[in-house]
PDB file of N, CA and C in Angstrom:
ATOM      1  N   MET A   1      41.597 -17.729  11.340  1.00  0.00           N
ATOM      2  CA  MET A   1      43.008 -17.716  11.021  1.00  0.00           C
ATOM      3  C   MET A   1      43.287 -16.447  10.200  1.00  0.00           C
ATOM      4  N   ASN A   2      44.332 -15.705  10.583  1.00  0.00           N
ATOM      5  CA  ASN A   2      44.651 -14.479   9.854  1.00  0.00           C
ATOM      6  C   ASN A   2      45.379 -14.801   8.551  1.00  0.00           C
ATOM      7  N   ALA A   3      45.547 -13.789   7.699  1.00  0.00           N
ATOM      8  CA  ALA A   3      46.130 -13.996   6.365  1.00  0.00           C
ATOM      9  C   ALA A   3      47.559 -14.527   6.445  1.00  0.00           C
ATOM     10  N   ARG A   4      48.352 -14.021   7.370  1.00  0.00           N
ATOM     11  CA  ARG A   4      49.737 -14.493   7.486  1.00  0.00           C
ATOM     12  C   ARG A   4      49.779 -15.963   7.870  1.00  0.00           C
ATOM     13  N   ALA A   5      48.885 -16.367   8.767  1.00  0.00           N
ATOM     14  CA  ALA A   5      48.815 -17.773   9.177  1.00  0.00           C
ATOM     15  C   ALA A   5      48.342 -18.659   8.023  1.00  0.00           C
ATOM     16  N   LEU A   6      47.379 -18.173   7.238  1.00  0.00           N
ATOM     17  CA  LEU A   6      46.895 -18.937   6.083  1.00  0.00           C
ATOM     18  C   LEU A   6      48.006 -19.156   5.067  1.00  0.00           C
ATOM     19  N   VAL A   7      48.750 -18.104   4.787  1.00  0.00           N
ATOM     20  CA  VAL A   7      49.850 -18.215   3.824  1.00  0.00           C
ATOM     21  C   VAL A   7      50.880 -19.208   4.336  1.00  0.00           C
ATOM     22  N   ALA A   8      51.261 -19.080   5.596  1.00  0.00           N
ATOM     23  CA  ALA A   8      52.260 -19.983   6.180  1.00  0.00           C
ATOM     24  C   ALA A   8      51.790 -21.430   6.092  1.00  0.00           C
ATOM     25  N   TRP A   9      50.552 -21.675   6.487  1.00  0.00           N
ATOM     26  CA  TRP A   9      49.969 -23.019   6.466  1.00  0.00           C
ATOM     27  C   TRP A   9      49.998 -23.604   5.055  1.00  0.00           C
ATOM     28  N   ASN A  10      49.518 -22.821   4.096  1.00  0.00           N
ATOM     29  CA  ASN A  10      49.373 -23.326   2.729  1.00  0.00           C
ATOM     30  C   ASN A  10      50.701 -23.481   1.996  1.00  0.00           C
ATOM     31  N   VAL A  11      51.627 -22.557   2.194  1.00  0.00           N
ATOM     32  CA  VAL A  11      52.940 -22.715   1.565  1.00  0.00           C
ATOM     33  C   VAL A  11      53.576 -24.006   2.059  1.00  0.00           C
ATOM     34  N   ARG A  12      53.565 -24.194   3.367  1.00  0.00           N
ATOM     35  CA  ARG A  12      54.181 -25.397   3.936  1.00  0.00           C
ATOM     36  C   ARG A  12      53.455 -26.662   3.484  1.00  0.00           C
ATOM     37  N   ARG A  13      52.119 -26.629   3.526  1.00  0.00           N
ATOM     38  CA  ARG A  13      51.312 -27.796   3.136  1.00  0.00           C
ATOM     39  C   ARG A  13      51.618 -28.212   1.700  1.00  0.00           C
ATOM     40  N   ILE A  14      51.577 -27.255   0.795  1.00  0.00           N
ATOM     41  CA  ILE A  14      51.793 -27.570  -0.619  1.00  0.00           C
ATOM     42  C   ILE A  14      53.233 -28.020  -0.843  1.00  0.00           C
ATOM     43  N   ARG A  15      54.169 -27.340  -0.222  1.00  0.00           N
ATOM     44  CA  ARG A  15      55.581 -27.707  -0.378  1.00  0.00           C
ATOM     45  C   ARG A  15      55.846 -29.126   0.106  1.00  0.00           C
ATOM     46  N   VAL A  16      55.321 -29.470   1.269  1.00  0.00           N
ATOM     47  CA  VAL A  16      55.526 -30.808   1.842  1.00  0.00           C
ATOM     48  C   VAL A  16      54.805 -31.867   1.004  1.00  0.00           C
ATOM     49  N   GLU A  17      53.564 -31.586   0.585  1.00  0.00           N
ATOM     50  CA  GLU A  17      52.817 -32.542  -0.248  1.00  0.00           C
ATOM     51  C   GLU A  17      53.577 -32.873  -1.533  1.00  0.00           C
ATOM     52  N   ARG A  18      54.276 -31.898  -2.064  1.00  0.00           N
ATOM     53  CA  ARG A  18      54.996 -32.095  -3.324  1.00  0.00           C
ATOM     54  C   ARG A  18      56.434 -32.557  -3.124  1.00  0.00           C
ATOM     55  N   GLY A  19      56.833 -32.679  -1.858  1.00  0.00           N
ATOM     56  CA  GLY A  19      58.173 -33.168  -1.572  1.00  0.00           C
ATOM     57  C   GLY A  19      59.275 -32.191  -1.945  1.00  0.00           C
ATOM     58  N   ILE A  20      58.970 -30.904  -1.861  1.00  0.00           N
ATOM     59  CA  ILE A  20      59.953 -29.882  -2.215  1.00  0.00           C
ATOM     60  C   ILE A  20      60.634 -29.396  -0.932  1.00  0.00           C
ATOM     61  N   PRO A  21      61.944 -29.522  -0.844  1.00  0.00           N
ATOM     62  CA  PRO A  21      62.643 -28.982   0.329  1.00  0.00           C
ATOM     63  C   PRO A  21      62.511 -27.460   0.376  1.00  0.00           C
ATOM     64  N   GLN A  22      62.495 -26.923   1.566  1.00  0.00           N
ATOM     65  CA  GLN A  22      62.373 -25.483   1.751  1.00  0.00           C
ATOM     66  C   GLN A  22      63.481 -24.733   1.004  1.00  0.00           C
ATOM     67  N   GLU A  23      64.684 -25.284   1.062  1.00  0.00           N
ATOM     68  CA  GLU A  23      65.816 -24.651   0.384  1.00  0.00           C
ATOM     69  C   GLU A  23      65.580 -24.555  -1.119  1.00  0.00           C
ATOM     70  N   GLN A  24      65.022 -25.608  -1.703  1.00  0.00           N
ATOM     71  CA  GLN A  24      64.781 -25.629  -3.146  1.00  0.00           C
ATOM     72  C   GLN A  24      63.694 -24.635  -3.536  1.00  0.00           C
ATOM     73  N   LEU A  25      62.612 -24.592  -2.756  1.00  0.00           N
ATOM     74  CA  LEU A  25      61.546 -23.639  -3.051  1.00  0.00           C
ATOM     75  C   LEU A  25      62.080 -22.215  -2.976  1.00  0.00           C
ATOM     76  N   ALA A  26      62.853 -21.921  -1.950  1.00  0.00           N
ATOM     77  CA  ALA A  26      63.416 -20.581  -1.799  1.00  0.00           C
ATOM     78  C   ALA A  26      64.318 -20.245  -2.982  1.00  0.00           C
ATOM     79  N   TYR A  27      65.184 -21.167  -3.348  1.00  0.00           N
ATOM     80  CA  TYR A  27      66.098 -20.943  -4.469  1.00  0.00           C
ATOM     81  C   TYR A  27      65.321 -20.694  -5.761  1.00  0.00           C
ATOM     82  N   ASP A  28      64.353 -21.559  -6.042  1.00  0.00           N
ATOM     83  CA  ASP A  28      63.574 -21.440  -7.275  1.00  0.00           C
ATOM     84  C   ASP A  28      62.750 -20.154  -7.319  1.00  0.00           C
ATOM     85  N   ALA A  29      62.311 -19.674  -6.144  1.00  0.00           N
ATOM     86  CA  ALA A  29      61.519 -18.444  -6.072  1.00  0.00           C
ATOM     87  C   ALA A  29      62.415 -17.205  -6.009  1.00  0.00           C
ATOM     88  N   GLY A  30      63.727 -17.420  -5.862  1.00  0.00           N
ATOM     89  CA  GLY A  30      64.663 -16.310  -5.839  1.00  0.00           C
ATOM     90  C   GLY A  30      64.711 -15.554  -4.528  1.00  0.00           C
ATOM     91  N   ILE A  31      64.488 -16.274  -3.416  1.00  0.00           N
ATOM     92  CA  ILE A  31      64.570 -15.630  -2.107  1.00  0.00           C
ATOM     93  C   ILE A  31      65.475 -16.443  -1.186  1.00  0.00           C
ATOM     94  N   ASP A  32      65.869 -15.829  -0.089  1.00  0.00           N
ATOM     95  CA  ASP A  32      66.741 -16.483   0.872  1.00  0.00           C
ATOM     96  C   ASP A  32      65.989 -17.591   1.614  1.00  0.00           C
ATOM     97  N   ARG A  33      66.673 -18.721   1.877  1.00  0.00           N
ATOM     98  CA  ARG A  33      66.045 -19.844   2.558  1.00  0.00           C
ATOM     99  C   ARG A  33      65.555 -19.463   3.945  1.00  0.00           C
ATOM    100  N   SER A  34      66.323 -18.646   4.656  1.00  0.00           N
ATOM    101  CA  SER A  34      65.899 -18.266   6.006  1.00  0.00           C
ATOM    102  C   SER A  34      64.642 -17.389   5.963  1.00  0.00           C
ATOM    103  N   TYR A  35      64.512 -16.584   4.920  1.00  0.00           N
ATOM    104  CA  TYR A  35      63.304 -15.780   4.762  1.00  0.00           C
ATOM    105  C   TYR A  35      62.103 -16.685   4.500  1.00  0.00           C
ATOM    106  N   MET A  36      62.310 -17.708   3.677  1.00  0.00           N
ATOM    107  CA  MET A  36      61.231 -18.669   3.410  1.00  0.00           C
ATOM    108  C   MET A  36      60.813 -19.342   4.712  1.00  0.00           C
ATOM    109  N   GLY A  37      61.790 -19.706   5.526  1.00  0.00           N
ATOM    110  CA  GLY A  37      61.482 -20.319   6.813  1.00  0.00           C
ATOM    111  C   GLY A  37      60.656 -19.390   7.696  1.00  0.00           C
ATOM    112  N   ARG A  38      61.015 -18.121   7.686  1.00  0.00           N
ATOM    113  CA  ARG A  38      60.267 -17.159   8.508  1.00  0.00           C
ATOM    114  C   ARG A  38      58.855 -16.940   7.974  1.00  0.00           C
ATOM    115  N   ILE A  39      58.663 -17.066   6.650  1.00  0.00           N
ATOM    116  CA  ILE A  39      57.302 -16.992   6.086  1.00  0.00           C
ATOM    117  C   ILE A  39      56.483 -18.160   6.628  1.00  0.00           C
ATOM    118  N   GLU A  40      57.067 -19.361   6.606  1.00  0.00           N
ATOM    119  CA  GLU A  40      56.354 -20.552   7.090  1.00  0.00           C
ATOM    120  C   GLU A  40      56.126 -20.514   8.598  1.00  0.00           C
ATOM    121  N   GLN A  41      56.905 -19.715   9.316  1.00  0.00           N
ATOM    122  CA  GLN A  41      56.744 -19.580  10.769  1.00  0.00           C
ATOM    123  C   GLN A  41      55.891 -18.370  11.145  1.00  0.00           C
ATOM    124  N   GLN A  42      55.324 -17.695  10.155  1.00  0.00           N
ATOM    125  CA  GLN A  42      54.471 -16.521  10.335  1.00  0.00           C
ATOM    126  C   GLN A  42      55.232 -15.333  10.915  1.00  0.00           C
ATOM    127  N   LYS A  43      56.532 -15.287  10.713  1.00  0.00           N
ATOM    128  CA  LYS A  43      57.339 -14.195  11.249  1.00  0.00           C
ATOM    129  C   LYS A  43      57.573 -13.081  10.236  1.00  0.00           C
ATOM    130  N   GLU A  44      57.190 -13.301   8.990  1.00  0.00           N
ATOM    131  CA  GLU A  44      57.361 -12.306   7.933  1.00  0.00           C
ATOM    132  C   GLU A  44      56.016 -11.995   7.309  1.00  0.00           C
ATOM    133  N   ASN A  45      55.926 -10.819   6.747  1.00  0.00           N
ATOM    134  CA  ASN A  45      54.727 -10.383   6.039  1.00  0.00           C
ATOM    135  C   ASN A  45      55.125 -10.109   4.590  1.00  0.00           C
ATOM    136  N   PRO A  46      55.177 -11.169   3.756  1.00  0.00           N
ATOM    137  CA  PRO A  46      55.677 -11.007   2.391  1.00  0.00           C
ATOM    138  C   PRO A  46      54.748 -10.148   1.538  1.00  0.00           C
ATOM    139  N   THR A  47      55.348  -9.495   0.550  1.00  0.00           N
ATOM    140  CA  THR A  47      54.561  -8.681  -0.378  1.00  0.00           C
ATOM    141  C   THR A  47      53.739  -9.590  -1.280  1.00  0.00           C
ATOM    142  N   ILE A  48      52.743  -8.997  -1.910  1.00  0.00           N
ATOM    143  CA  ILE A  48      51.908  -9.756  -2.838  1.00  0.00           C
ATOM    144  C   ILE A  48      52.739 -10.214  -4.031  1.00  0.00           C
ATOM    145  N   ASP A  49      53.715  -9.418  -4.438  1.00  0.00           N
ATOM    146  CA  ASP A  49      54.590  -9.825  -5.545  1.00  0.00           C
ATOM    147  C   ASP A  49      55.402 -11.065  -5.179  1.00  0.00           C
ATOM    148  N   LEU A  50      55.900 -11.114  -3.961  1.00  0.00           N
ATOM    149  CA  LEU A  50      56.664 -12.280  -3.524  1.00  0.00           C
ATOM    150  C   LEU A  50      55.754 -13.499  -3.416  1.00  0.00           C
ATOM    151  N   LEU A  51      54.553 -13.313  -2.891  1.00  0.00           N
ATOM    152  CA  LEU A  51      53.608 -14.432  -2.807  1.00  0.00           C
ATOM    153  C   LEU A  51      53.266 -14.948  -4.203  1.00  0.00           C
ATOM    154  N   ASP A  52      53.167 -14.052  -5.155  1.00  0.00           N
ATOM    155  CA  ASP A  52      52.895 -14.457  -6.536  1.00  0.00           C
ATOM    156  C   ASP A  52      54.056 -15.284  -7.081  1.00  0.00           C
ATOM    157  N   ARG A  53      55.297 -14.895  -6.769  1.00  0.00           N
ATOM    158  CA  ARG A  53      56.465 -15.668  -7.211  1.00  0.00           C
ATOM    159  C   ARG A  53      56.482 -17.048  -6.571  1.00  0.00           C
ATOM    160  N   ILE A  54      56.150 -17.122  -5.282  1.00  0.00           N
ATOM    161  CA  ILE A  54      56.109 -18.415  -4.595  1.00  0.00           C
ATOM    162  C   ILE A  54      55.032 -19.297  -5.216  1.00  0.00           C
ATOM    163  N   ALA A  55      53.847 -18.724  -5.444  1.00  0.00           N
ATOM    164  CA  ALA A  55      52.745 -19.489  -6.049  1.00  0.00           C
ATOM    165  C   ALA A  55      53.136 -19.980  -7.439  1.00  0.00           C
ATOM    166  N   THR A  56      53.760 -19.141  -8.226  1.00  0.00           N
ATOM    167  CA  THR A  56      54.198 -19.531  -9.568  1.00  0.00           C
ATOM    168  C   THR A  56      55.211 -20.663  -9.481  1.00  0.00           C
ATOM    169  N   THR A  57      56.136 -20.553  -8.550  1.00  0.00           N
ATOM    170  CA  THR A  57      57.145 -21.596  -8.363  1.00  0.00           C
ATOM    171  C   THR A  57      56.499 -22.916  -7.967  1.00  0.00           C
ATOM    172  N   LEU A  58      55.454 -22.854  -7.144  1.00  0.00           N
ATOM    173  CA  LEU A  58      54.738 -24.062  -6.733  1.00  0.00           C
ATOM    174  C   LEU A  58      53.780 -24.561  -7.817  1.00  0.00           C
ATOM    175  N   GLY A  59      53.549 -23.752  -8.835  1.00  0.00           N
ATOM    176  CA  GLY A  59      52.640 -24.143  -9.904  1.00  0.00           C
ATOM    177  C   GLY A  59      51.182 -24.049  -9.523  1.00  0.00           C
ATOM    178  N   ILE A  60      50.857 -23.082  -8.674  1.00  0.00           N
ATOM    179  CA  ILE A  60      49.480 -22.901  -8.208  1.00  0.00           C
ATOM    180  C   ILE A  60      49.037 -21.470  -8.478  1.00  0.00           C
ATOM    181  N   HIS A  61      47.732 -21.235  -8.363  1.00  0.00           N
ATOM    182  CA  HIS A  61      47.207 -19.883  -8.450  1.00  0.00           C
ATOM    183  C   HIS A  61      47.423 -19.211  -7.101  1.00  0.00           C
ATOM    184  N   LEU A  62      47.698 -17.933  -7.128  1.00  0.00           N
ATOM    185  CA  LEU A  62      47.949 -17.172  -5.904  1.00  0.00           C
ATOM    186  C   LEU A  62      46.856 -17.371  -4.853  1.00  0.00           C
ATOM    187  N   SER A  63      45.620 -17.491  -5.281  1.00  0.00           N
ATOM    188  CA  SER A  63      44.501 -17.628  -4.340  1.00  0.00           C
ATOM    189  C   SER A  63      44.608 -18.874  -3.468  1.00  0.00           C
ATOM    190  N   GLU A  64      45.314 -19.910  -3.948  1.00  0.00           N
ATOM    191  CA  GLU A  64      45.448 -21.140  -3.158  1.00  0.00           C
ATOM    192  C   GLU A  64      46.226 -20.919  -1.862  1.00  0.00           C
ATOM    193  N   LEU A  65      47.001 -19.851  -1.801  1.00  0.00           N
ATOM    194  CA  LEU A  65      47.745 -19.564  -0.575  1.00  0.00           C
ATOM    195  C   LEU A  65      46.839 -19.029   0.530  1.00  0.00           C
ATOM    196  N   PHE A  66      45.586 -18.727   0.196  1.00  0.00           N
ATOM    197  CA  PHE A  66      44.661 -18.154   1.175  1.00  0.00           C
ATOM    198  C   PHE A  66      43.492 -19.077   1.512  1.00  0.00           C
ATOM    199  N   PHE A  67      43.565 -20.353   1.099  1.00  0.00           N
ATOM    200  CA  PHE A  67      42.499 -21.305   1.420  1.00  0.00           C
ATOM    201  C   PHE A  67      42.511 -21.614   2.917  1.00  0.00           C
ATOM    202  N   GLU A  68      41.316 -21.640   3.498  1.00  0.00           N
ATOM    203  CA  GLU A  68      41.160 -22.032   4.897  1.00  0.00           C
ATOM    204  C   GLU A  68      41.304 -23.540   5.014  1.00  0.00           C
ATOM    205  N   PRO A  69      42.091 -24.031   5.982  1.00  0.00           N
ATOM    206  CA  PRO A  69      42.155 -25.484   6.184  1.00  0.00           C
ATOM    207  C   PRO A  69      40.835 -25.982   6.768  1.00  0.00           C
ATOM    208  N   ALA A  70      40.540 -27.241   6.533  1.00  0.00           N
ATOM    209  CA  ALA A  70      39.325 -27.842   7.076  1.00  0.00           C
ATOM    210  C   ALA A  70      39.393 -27.851   8.598  1.00  0.00           C
ATOM    211  N   LYS A  71      38.234 -27.789   9.220  1.00  0.00           N
ATOM    212  CA  LYS A  71      38.199 -27.845  10.689  1.00  0.00           C
ATOM    213  C   LYS A  71      38.856 -29.123  11.172  1.00  0.00           C
ATOM    214  N   GLY A  72      39.727 -28.990  12.147  1.00  0.00           N
ATOM    215  CA  GLY A  72      40.396 -30.153  12.709  1.00  0.00           C
ATOM    216  C   GLY A  72      41.593 -30.638  11.911  1.00  0.00           C
ATOM    217  N   ALA A  73      41.927 -29.933  10.829  1.00  0.00           N
ATOM    218  CA  ALA A  73      43.079 -30.341  10.017  1.00  0.00           C
ATOM    219  C   ALA A  73      44.351 -30.209  10.843  1.00  0.00           C
ATOM    220  N   THR A  74      45.229 -31.170  10.691  1.00  0.00           N
ATOM    221  CA  THR A  74      46.496 -31.117  11.417  1.00  0.00           C
ATOM    222  C   THR A  74      47.512 -30.329  10.610  1.00  0.00           C
ATOM    223  N   PRO A  75      48.385 -29.613  11.302  1.00  0.00           N
ATOM    224  CA  PRO A  75      49.393 -28.826  10.583  1.00  0.00           C
ATOM    225  C   PRO A  75      50.280 -29.721   9.735  1.00  0.00           C
ATOM    226  N   PRO A  76      50.762 -29.205   8.626  1.00  0.00           N
ATOM    227  CA  PRO A  76      51.650 -30.001   7.777  1.00  0.00           C
ATOM    228  C   PRO A  76      52.902 -30.394   8.545  1.00  0.00           C
ATOM    229  N   LYS A  77      53.327 -31.626   8.363  1.00  0.00           N
ATOM    230  CA  LYS A  77      54.526 -32.103   9.041  1.00  0.00           C
ATOM    231  C   LYS A  77      55.752 -31.622   8.292  1.00  0.00           C
ATOM    232  N   THR A  78      56.853 -31.589   8.996  1.00  0.00           N
ATOM    233  CA  THR A  78      58.100 -31.207   8.346  1.00  0.00           C
ATOM    234  C   THR A  78      58.609 -32.367   7.523  1.00  0.00           C
ATOM    235  N   MET A  79      59.409 -32.037   6.544  1.00  0.00           N
ATOM    236  CA  MET A  79      60.013 -33.072   5.722  1.00  0.00           C
ATOM    237  C   MET A  79      61.287 -33.552   6.399  1.00  0.00           C
ATOM    238  N   SER A  80      61.615 -34.783   6.156  1.00  0.00           N
ATOM    239  CA  SER A  80      62.870 -35.324   6.646  1.00  0.00           C
ATOM    240  C   SER A  80      64.004 -34.597   5.955  1.00  0.00           C
ATOM    241  N   ARG A  81      65.057 -34.322   6.689  1.00  0.00           N
ATOM    242  CA  ARG A  81      66.194 -33.630   6.101  1.00  0.00           C
ATOM    243  C   ARG A  81      67.050 -34.552   5.254  1.00  0.00           C
ATOM    244  N   GLY A  82      66.756 -35.840   5.262  1.00  0.00           N
ATOM    245  CA  GLY A  82      67.496 -36.753   4.432  1.00  0.00           C
ATOM    246  C   GLY A  82      68.881 -37.080   4.945  1.00  0.00           C
ATOM    247  N   ARG A  83      69.076 -36.880   6.217  1.00  0.00           N
ATOM    248  CA  ARG A  83      70.378 -37.181   6.780  1.00  0.00           C
ATOM    249  C   ARG A  83      70.616 -38.668   6.815  1.00  0.00           C
ATOM    250  N   LYS A  84      71.839 -39.018   6.626  1.00  0.00           N
ATOM    251  CA  LYS A  84      72.201 -40.428   6.652  1.00  0.00           C
ATOM    252  C   LYS A  84      72.315 -40.880   8.098  1.00  0.00           C
ATOM    253  N   PRO A  85      71.966 -42.127   8.381  1.00  0.00           N
ATOM    254  CA  PRO A  85      72.134 -42.637   9.748  1.00  0.00           C
ATOM    255  C   PRO A  85      73.603 -42.659  10.107  1.00  0.00           C
ATOM    256  N   ALA A  86      73.881 -42.560  11.386  1.00  0.00           N
ATOM    257  CA  ALA A  86      75.274 -42.592  11.851  1.00  0.00           C
ATOM    258  C   ALA A  86      75.933 -43.907  11.463  1.00  0.00           C
ATOM    259  N   ARG A  87      77.175 -43.799  11.069  1.00  0.00           N
ATOM    260  CA  ARG A  87      77.917 -44.997  10.676  1.00  0.00           C
ATOM    261  C   ARG A  87      78.301 -45.768  11.921  1.00  0.00           C
ATOM    262  N   GLN A  88      78.182 -47.055  11.823  1.00  0.00           N
ATOM    263  CA  GLN A  88      78.582 -47.906  12.928  1.00  0.00           C
ATOM    264  C   GLN A  88      80.050 -48.262  12.755  1.00  0.00           C
ATOM    265  N   CYS A  89      80.752 -48.246  13.866  1.00  0.00           N
ATOM    266  CA  CYS A  89      82.160 -48.618  13.823  1.00  0.00           C
ATOM    267  C   CYS A  89      82.282 -50.144  13.725  1.00  0.00           C
ATOM    268  N   ARG A  90      83.198 -50.573  12.905  1.00  0.00           N
ATOM    269  CA  ARG A  90      83.444 -51.997  12.785  1.00  0.00           C
ATOM    270  C   ARG A  90      84.641 -52.344  13.662  1.00  0.00           C
ATOM    271  N   ASN A  91      84.523 -53.450  14.317  1.00  0.00           N
ATOM    272  CA  ASN A  91      85.660 -53.911  15.104  1.00  0.00           C
ATOM    273  C   ASN A  91      86.701 -54.466  14.164  1.00  0.00           C
ATOM    274  N   ARG A  92      87.862 -53.933  14.287  1.00  0.00           N
ATOM    275  CA  ARG A  92      88.957 -54.433  13.440  1.00  0.00           C
ATOM    276  C   ARG A  92      89.794 -55.390  14.270  1.00  0.00           C
ATOM    277  N   THR A  93      90.002 -56.546  13.742  1.00  0.00           N
ATOM    278  CA  THR A  93      90.799 -57.542  14.463  1.00  0.00           C
ATOM    279  C   THR A  93      92.010 -57.942  13.691  1.00  0.00           C
TER     280      THR A  93
END
């Protein structure tokens, strides 16, 4: 796994494990939410300074963003967006 993939995997894994929405992590780290999404999708190559800010925001050491996942580990699942179920219409009589 290359460095960009490791960072994407670990940022998402730690964020999901801690129940932090992507929007909140981006806000707390001082970056745009869409940029954070692209980091998690391996579409961006963030600077070491930005990775340090993300790690600090997550409360981890920067090196944790480069840990190799265990063989056979499944990718971190996405968090529920917390949307409310559709309202059911009541029959009015």
